[in-house]
Amino acid sequence: MTEDERLPQPATADIDLVTLLHALGDPVRMRLLLSYADGAEHSCGPRDLGLDHLHKSTVSHHMRVLREAGVTTTRVAGRNRFVSLRRTDLDARFPGLLDALLASAGAAVPAAA
């Protein structure tokens, strides 16, 4: 996979703790984090994410905030976008933080690959 197939995101070393925590301070974005915690790629459709009560542009905004904070990565495939958690990068940058966040939210915490 080439870098051209990913939307812009910060390098691992550039992920800022304050920005990361601010991004996750919103209930919708925490809900997205829980969805992405399974380690799979997810489409951007609100219905697929259990957010069908929100407008598509609102969901896109929340996804952009997570990506720009370094929480997720977005792969482009034609007109489709697929989002996944940057688990390895987050664990390298802030060991244990993601596990603590997911545990506090009551999610099962899959081990890093």
N, C-alpha and C. Protein backbone atom coordinates (compact mmCIF):
# COMPACT_ATOMS: atom_id res chain seq x y z
N MET A 1 0.84 -1.17 0.00
CA MET A 1 0.00 0.00 0.00
C MET A 1 0.89 1.24 0.00
N THR A 2 0.57 2.16 -0.87
CA THR A 2 1.36 3.38 -0.96
C THR A 2 0.75 4.46 -0.08
N GLU A 3 1.55 5.46 0.24
CA GLU A 3 1.09 6.57 1.07
C GLU A 3 -0.03 7.34 0.38
N ASP A 4 -0.07 7.32 -0.97
CA ASP A 4 -1.10 8.02 -1.72
C ASP A 4 -2.49 7.50 -1.41
N GLU A 5 -2.59 6.28 -0.91
CA GLU A 5 -3.89 5.66 -0.65
C GLU A 5 -4.40 5.98 0.75
N ARG A 6 -3.68 6.77 1.51
CA ARG A 6 -4.09 7.16 2.86
C ARG A 6 -4.36 8.66 2.90
N LEU A 7 -5.37 9.05 3.64
CA LEU A 7 -5.61 10.47 3.85
C LEU A 7 -4.53 10.99 4.81
N PRO A 8 -4.25 12.29 4.80
CA PRO A 8 -3.19 12.84 5.66
C PRO A 8 -3.45 12.55 7.14
N GLN A 9 -2.38 12.19 7.82
CA GLN A 9 -2.43 11.90 9.26
C GLN A 9 -1.07 12.22 9.85
N PRO A 10 -1.00 12.50 11.14
CA PRO A 10 0.30 12.80 11.73
C PRO A 10 1.18 11.56 11.82
N ALA A 11 2.48 11.78 11.73
CA ALA A 11 3.43 10.69 11.96
C ALA A 11 3.30 10.26 13.42
N THR A 12 3.70 9.05 13.71
CA THR A 12 3.60 8.53 15.08
C THR A 12 4.24 9.47 16.08
N ALA A 13 5.44 9.95 15.79
CA ALA A 13 6.15 10.84 16.72
C ALA A 13 5.45 12.18 16.90
N ASP A 14 4.57 12.54 15.98
CA ASP A 14 3.89 13.84 16.05
C ASP A 14 2.52 13.77 16.71
N ILE A 15 2.10 12.59 17.15
CA ILE A 15 0.81 12.48 17.83
C ILE A 15 0.95 13.14 19.20
N ASP A 16 0.12 14.13 19.45
CA ASP A 16 0.17 14.94 20.66
C ASP A 16 -0.88 14.44 21.66
N LEU A 17 -0.49 14.27 22.91
CA LEU A 17 -1.38 13.73 23.93
C LEU A 17 -2.60 14.62 24.15
N VAL A 18 -2.40 15.92 24.24
CA VAL A 18 -3.53 16.84 24.47
C VAL A 18 -4.51 16.78 23.31
N THR A 19 -4.01 16.77 22.09
CA THR A 19 -4.87 16.68 20.91
C THR A 19 -5.62 15.36 20.89
N LEU A 20 -4.93 14.28 21.22
CA LEU A 20 -5.53 12.96 21.26
C LEU A 20 -6.66 12.90 22.28
N LEU A 21 -6.41 13.40 23.49
CA LEU A 21 -7.43 13.36 24.53
C LEU A 21 -8.59 14.30 24.21
N HIS A 22 -8.30 15.43 23.61
CA HIS A 22 -9.37 16.34 23.19
C HIS A 22 -10.26 15.65 22.16
N ALA A 23 -9.66 14.97 21.20
CA ALA A 23 -10.43 14.27 20.17
C ALA A 23 -11.33 13.20 20.79
N LEU A 24 -10.85 12.54 21.83
CA LEU A 24 -11.62 11.46 22.44
C LEU A 24 -12.55 11.96 23.54
N GLY A 25 -12.58 13.27 23.76
CA GLY A 25 -13.44 13.84 24.78
C GLY A 25 -14.89 13.97 24.37
N ASP A 26 -15.20 13.62 23.15
CA ASP A 26 -16.56 13.70 22.64
C ASP A 26 -17.19 12.31 22.67
N PRO A 27 -18.43 12.18 23.16
CA PRO A 27 -19.06 10.85 23.25
C PRO A 27 -19.18 10.12 21.91
N VAL A 28 -19.43 10.84 20.83
CA VAL A 28 -19.55 10.20 19.52
C VAL A 28 -18.19 9.64 19.10
N ARG A 29 -17.13 10.39 19.34
CA ARG A 29 -15.80 9.91 18.95
C ARG A 29 -15.35 8.74 19.83
N MET A 30 -15.76 8.73 21.11
CA MET A 30 -15.47 7.56 21.95
C MET A 30 -16.23 6.35 21.41
N ARG A 31 -17.45 6.56 20.95
CA ARG A 31 -18.23 5.47 20.35
C ARG A 31 -17.53 4.93 19.12
N LEU A 32 -16.98 5.83 18.30
CA LEU A 32 -16.22 5.40 17.13
C LEU A 32 -14.98 4.63 17.55
N LEU A 33 -14.28 5.09 18.59
CA LEU A 33 -13.10 4.38 19.08
C LEU A 33 -13.47 2.95 19.47
N LEU A 34 -14.59 2.79 20.16
CA LEU A 34 -15.03 1.45 20.55
C LEU A 34 -15.32 0.59 19.33
N SER A 35 -15.89 1.19 18.30
CA SER A 35 -16.16 0.44 17.07
C SER A 35 -14.86 0.01 16.41
N TYR A 36 -13.88 0.90 16.38
CA TYR A 36 -12.61 0.62 15.71
C TYR A 36 -11.70 -0.29 16.52
N ALA A 37 -12.00 -0.50 17.80
CA ALA A 37 -11.13 -1.29 18.68
C ALA A 37 -11.05 -2.76 18.27
N ASP A 38 -11.92 -3.21 17.39
CA ASP A 38 -11.87 -4.62 16.98
C ASP A 38 -10.72 -4.90 16.02
N GLY A 39 -10.03 -3.86 15.59
CA GLY A 39 -8.86 -4.04 14.73
C GLY A 39 -9.17 -4.16 13.25
N ALA A 40 -10.44 -4.17 12.88
CA ALA A 40 -10.83 -4.30 11.48
C ALA A 40 -10.95 -2.93 10.83
N GLU A 41 -11.01 -2.93 9.50
CA GLU A 41 -11.31 -1.71 8.76
C GLU A 41 -12.83 -1.56 8.72
N HIS A 42 -13.27 -0.30 8.82
CA HIS A 42 -14.70 -0.02 8.82
C HIS A 42 -15.02 0.99 7.73
N SER A 43 -16.16 0.78 7.07
CA SER A 43 -16.61 1.77 6.10
C SER A 43 -17.08 3.00 6.87
N CYS A 44 -17.31 4.08 6.15
CA CYS A 44 -17.66 5.35 6.79
C CYS A 44 -19.15 5.59 6.92
N GLY A 45 -19.95 4.64 6.52
CA GLY A 45 -21.39 4.83 6.57
C GLY A 45 -21.91 4.91 8.00
N PRO A 46 -22.70 5.94 8.33
CA PRO A 46 -23.23 6.07 9.69
C PRO A 46 -23.98 4.83 10.16
N ARG A 47 -24.74 4.20 9.27
CA ARG A 47 -25.49 3.00 9.65
C ARG A 47 -24.53 1.86 10.02
N ASP A 48 -23.45 1.72 9.27
CA ASP A 48 -22.47 0.66 9.54
C ASP A 48 -21.80 0.83 10.89
N LEU A 49 -21.75 2.07 11.38
CA LEU A 49 -21.09 2.38 12.65
C LEU A 49 -22.07 2.50 13.81
N GLY A 50 -23.33 2.25 13.54
CA GLY A 50 -24.34 2.38 14.59
C GLY A 50 -24.66 3.83 14.92
N LEU A 51 -24.40 4.72 13.97
CA LEU A 51 -24.63 6.15 14.18
C LEU A 51 -25.65 6.69 13.18
N ASP A 52 -26.62 5.87 12.81
CA ASP A 52 -27.57 6.29 11.79
C ASP A 52 -28.48 7.43 12.24
N HIS A 53 -28.43 7.79 13.52
CA HIS A 53 -29.19 8.94 14.01
C HIS A 53 -28.48 10.26 13.71
N LEU A 54 -27.23 10.19 13.24
CA LEU A 54 -26.46 11.38 12.91
C LEU A 54 -26.39 11.58 11.40
N HIS A 55 -26.29 12.82 10.98
CA HIS A 55 -26.13 13.15 9.57
C HIS A 55 -24.75 12.68 9.11
N LYS A 56 -24.66 12.28 7.85
CA LYS A 56 -23.40 11.77 7.30
C LYS A 56 -22.27 12.80 7.45
N SER A 57 -22.55 14.08 7.26
CA SER A 57 -21.50 15.09 7.38
C SER A 57 -21.01 15.22 8.82
N THR A 58 -21.88 14.99 9.79
CA THR A 58 -21.48 15.03 11.19
C THR A 58 -20.54 13.87 11.51
N VAL A 59 -20.88 12.69 11.01
CA VAL A 59 -20.03 11.52 11.22
C VAL A 59 -18.68 11.74 10.54
N SER A 60 -18.68 12.30 9.33
CA SER A 60 -17.43 12.59 8.62
C SER A 60 -16.56 13.56 9.41
N HIS A 61 -17.18 14.56 10.03
CA HIS A 61 -16.43 15.51 10.86
C HIS A 61 -15.75 14.79 12.01
N HIS A 62 -16.48 13.92 12.71
CA HIS A 62 -15.90 13.20 13.84
C HIS A 62 -14.75 12.30 13.37
N MET A 63 -14.90 11.67 12.23
CA MET A 63 -13.83 10.82 11.69
C MET A 63 -12.59 11.64 11.35
N ARG A 64 -12.80 12.83 10.80
CA ARG A 64 -11.67 13.70 10.46
C ARG A 64 -10.92 14.12 11.72
N VAL A 65 -11.65 14.46 12.77
CA VAL A 65 -11.01 14.86 14.03
C VAL A 65 -10.15 13.71 14.56
N LEU A 66 -10.67 12.50 14.53
CA LEU A 66 -9.91 11.34 15.00
C LEU A 66 -8.66 11.10 14.14
N ARG A 67 -8.82 11.23 12.82
CA ARG A 67 -7.68 11.01 11.93
C ARG A 67 -6.61 12.07 12.14
N GLU A 68 -7.02 13.33 12.22
CA GLU A 68 -6.05 14.41 12.39
C GLU A 68 -5.37 14.38 13.75
N ALA A 69 -6.01 13.76 14.73
CA ALA A 69 -5.39 13.60 16.05
C ALA A 69 -4.45 12.40 16.10
N GLY A 70 -4.50 11.55 15.07
CA GLY A 70 -3.62 10.38 15.02
C GLY A 70 -4.24 9.12 15.57
N VAL A 71 -5.53 9.15 15.87
CA VAL A 71 -6.21 7.99 16.44
C VAL A 71 -6.49 6.92 15.38
N THR A 72 -6.86 7.38 14.18
CA THR A 72 -7.23 6.45 13.12
C THR A 72 -6.44 6.73 11.85
N THR A 73 -6.53 5.80 10.95
CA THR A 73 -5.98 5.97 9.60
C THR A 73 -7.12 5.68 8.62
N THR A 74 -7.13 6.40 7.52
CA THR A 74 -8.19 6.23 6.53
C THR A 74 -7.59 5.84 5.19
N ARG A 75 -8.01 4.68 4.70
CA ARG A 75 -7.56 4.18 3.40
C ARG A 75 -8.59 4.54 2.35
N VAL A 76 -8.10 5.07 1.23
CA VAL A 76 -8.96 5.46 0.12
C VAL A 76 -8.94 4.36 -0.93
N ALA A 77 -10.13 3.94 -1.34
CA ALA A 77 -10.28 2.94 -2.40
C ALA A 77 -11.37 3.44 -3.34
N GLY A 78 -10.96 4.17 -4.37
CA GLY A 78 -11.94 4.78 -5.28
C GLY A 78 -12.74 5.83 -4.53
N ARG A 79 -14.06 5.69 -4.54
CA ARG A 79 -14.91 6.63 -3.82
C ARG A 79 -15.15 6.22 -2.38
N ASN A 80 -14.63 5.07 -2.00
CA ASN A 80 -14.85 4.54 -0.65
C ASN A 80 -13.70 4.91 0.28
N ARG A 81 -14.03 5.00 1.56
CA ARG A 81 -13.04 5.26 2.61
C ARG A 81 -13.20 4.17 3.66
N PHE A 82 -12.07 3.67 4.13
CA PHE A 82 -12.07 2.63 5.14
C PHE A 82 -11.19 3.08 6.29
N VAL A 83 -11.74 3.07 7.49
CA VAL A 83 -11.07 3.60 8.67
C VAL A 83 -10.68 2.46 9.60
N SER A 84 -9.48 2.59 10.18
CA SER A 84 -9.04 1.63 11.19
C SER A 84 -8.25 2.36 12.27
N LEU A 85 -8.19 1.74 13.42
CA LEU A 85 -7.49 2.29 14.57
C LEU A 85 -5.98 2.15 14.38
N ARG A 86 -5.23 3.17 14.74
CA ARG A 86 -3.77 3.12 14.67
C ARG A 86 -3.23 2.53 15.98
N ARG A 87 -3.65 1.33 16.27
CA ARG A 87 -3.33 0.67 17.54
C ARG A 87 -1.83 0.60 17.80
N THR A 88 -1.08 0.12 16.85
CA THR A 88 0.36 -0.04 17.03
C THR A 88 1.04 1.30 17.27
N ASP A 89 0.66 2.31 16.49
CA ASP A 89 1.25 3.64 16.63
C ASP A 89 0.90 4.26 17.98
N LEU A 90 -0.35 4.13 18.41
CA LEU A 90 -0.76 4.69 19.70
C LEU A 90 -0.09 3.98 20.86
N ASP A 91 0.03 2.65 20.76
CA ASP A 91 0.71 1.90 21.82
C ASP A 91 2.19 2.25 21.89
N ALA A 92 2.80 2.51 20.74
CA ALA A 92 4.22 2.90 20.72
C ALA A 92 4.41 4.29 21.32
N ARG A 93 3.51 5.19 21.01
CA ARG A 93 3.63 6.58 21.46
C ARG A 93 3.23 6.76 22.92
N PHE A 94 2.13 6.10 23.33
CA PHE A 94 1.61 6.23 24.69
C PHE A 94 1.24 4.85 25.23
N PRO A 95 2.24 4.08 25.67
CA PRO A 95 1.98 2.71 26.13
C PRO A 95 0.91 2.65 27.22
N GLY A 96 -0.07 1.78 27.02
CA GLY A 96 -1.11 1.55 28.01
C GLY A 96 -2.29 2.51 27.95
N LEU A 97 -2.15 3.64 27.28
CA LEU A 97 -3.23 4.63 27.24
C LEU A 97 -4.47 4.09 26.56
N LEU A 98 -4.30 3.49 25.40
CA LEU A 98 -5.45 2.97 24.67
C LEU A 98 -6.15 1.87 25.46
N ASP A 99 -5.39 0.99 26.08
CA ASP A 99 -5.98 -0.06 26.91
C ASP A 99 -6.81 0.55 28.03
N ALA A 100 -6.29 1.58 28.69
CA ALA A 100 -7.01 2.23 29.78
C ALA A 100 -8.29 2.90 29.29
N LEU A 101 -8.21 3.57 28.15
CA LEU A 101 -9.40 4.23 27.59
C LEU A 101 -10.47 3.22 27.23
N LEU A 102 -10.07 2.15 26.58
CA LEU A 102 -11.03 1.13 26.17
C LEU A 102 -11.62 0.40 27.37
N ALA A 103 -10.78 0.12 28.36
CA ALA A 103 -11.27 -0.56 29.56
C ALA A 103 -12.25 0.33 30.32
N SER A 104 -11.96 1.62 30.39
CA SER A 104 -12.86 2.53 31.10
C SER A 104 -14.21 2.67 30.39
N ALA A 105 -14.19 2.46 29.09
CA ALA A 105 -15.42 2.54 28.31
C ALA A 105 -16.14 1.19 28.26
N GLY A 106 -15.54 0.18 28.86
CA GLY A 106 -16.18 -1.13 28.93
C GLY A 106 -16.00 -1.99 27.71
N ALA A 107 -15.02 -1.69 26.88
CA ALA A 107 -14.80 -2.47 25.66
C ALA A 107 -13.85 -3.61 25.94
N ALA A 108 -14.01 -4.67 25.17
CA ALA A 108 -13.02 -5.74 25.19
C ALA A 108 -11.77 -5.16 24.53
N VAL A 109 -10.62 -5.42 25.09
CA VAL A 109 -9.39 -4.84 24.61
C VAL A 109 -8.58 -5.89 23.86
N PRO A 110 -8.62 -5.87 22.51
CA PRO A 110 -7.83 -6.83 21.75
C PRO A 110 -6.35 -6.51 21.86
N ALA A 111 -5.53 -7.52 21.90
CA ALA A 111 -4.09 -7.31 21.99
C ALA A 111 -3.55 -6.69 20.73
N ALA A 112 -2.50 -5.90 20.88
CA ALA A 112 -1.86 -5.29 19.72
C ALA A 112 -1.21 -6.39 18.89
N ALA A 113 -1.23 -6.18 17.57
CA ALA A 113 -0.65 -7.18 16.65
C ALA A 113 0.84 -7.14 16.69
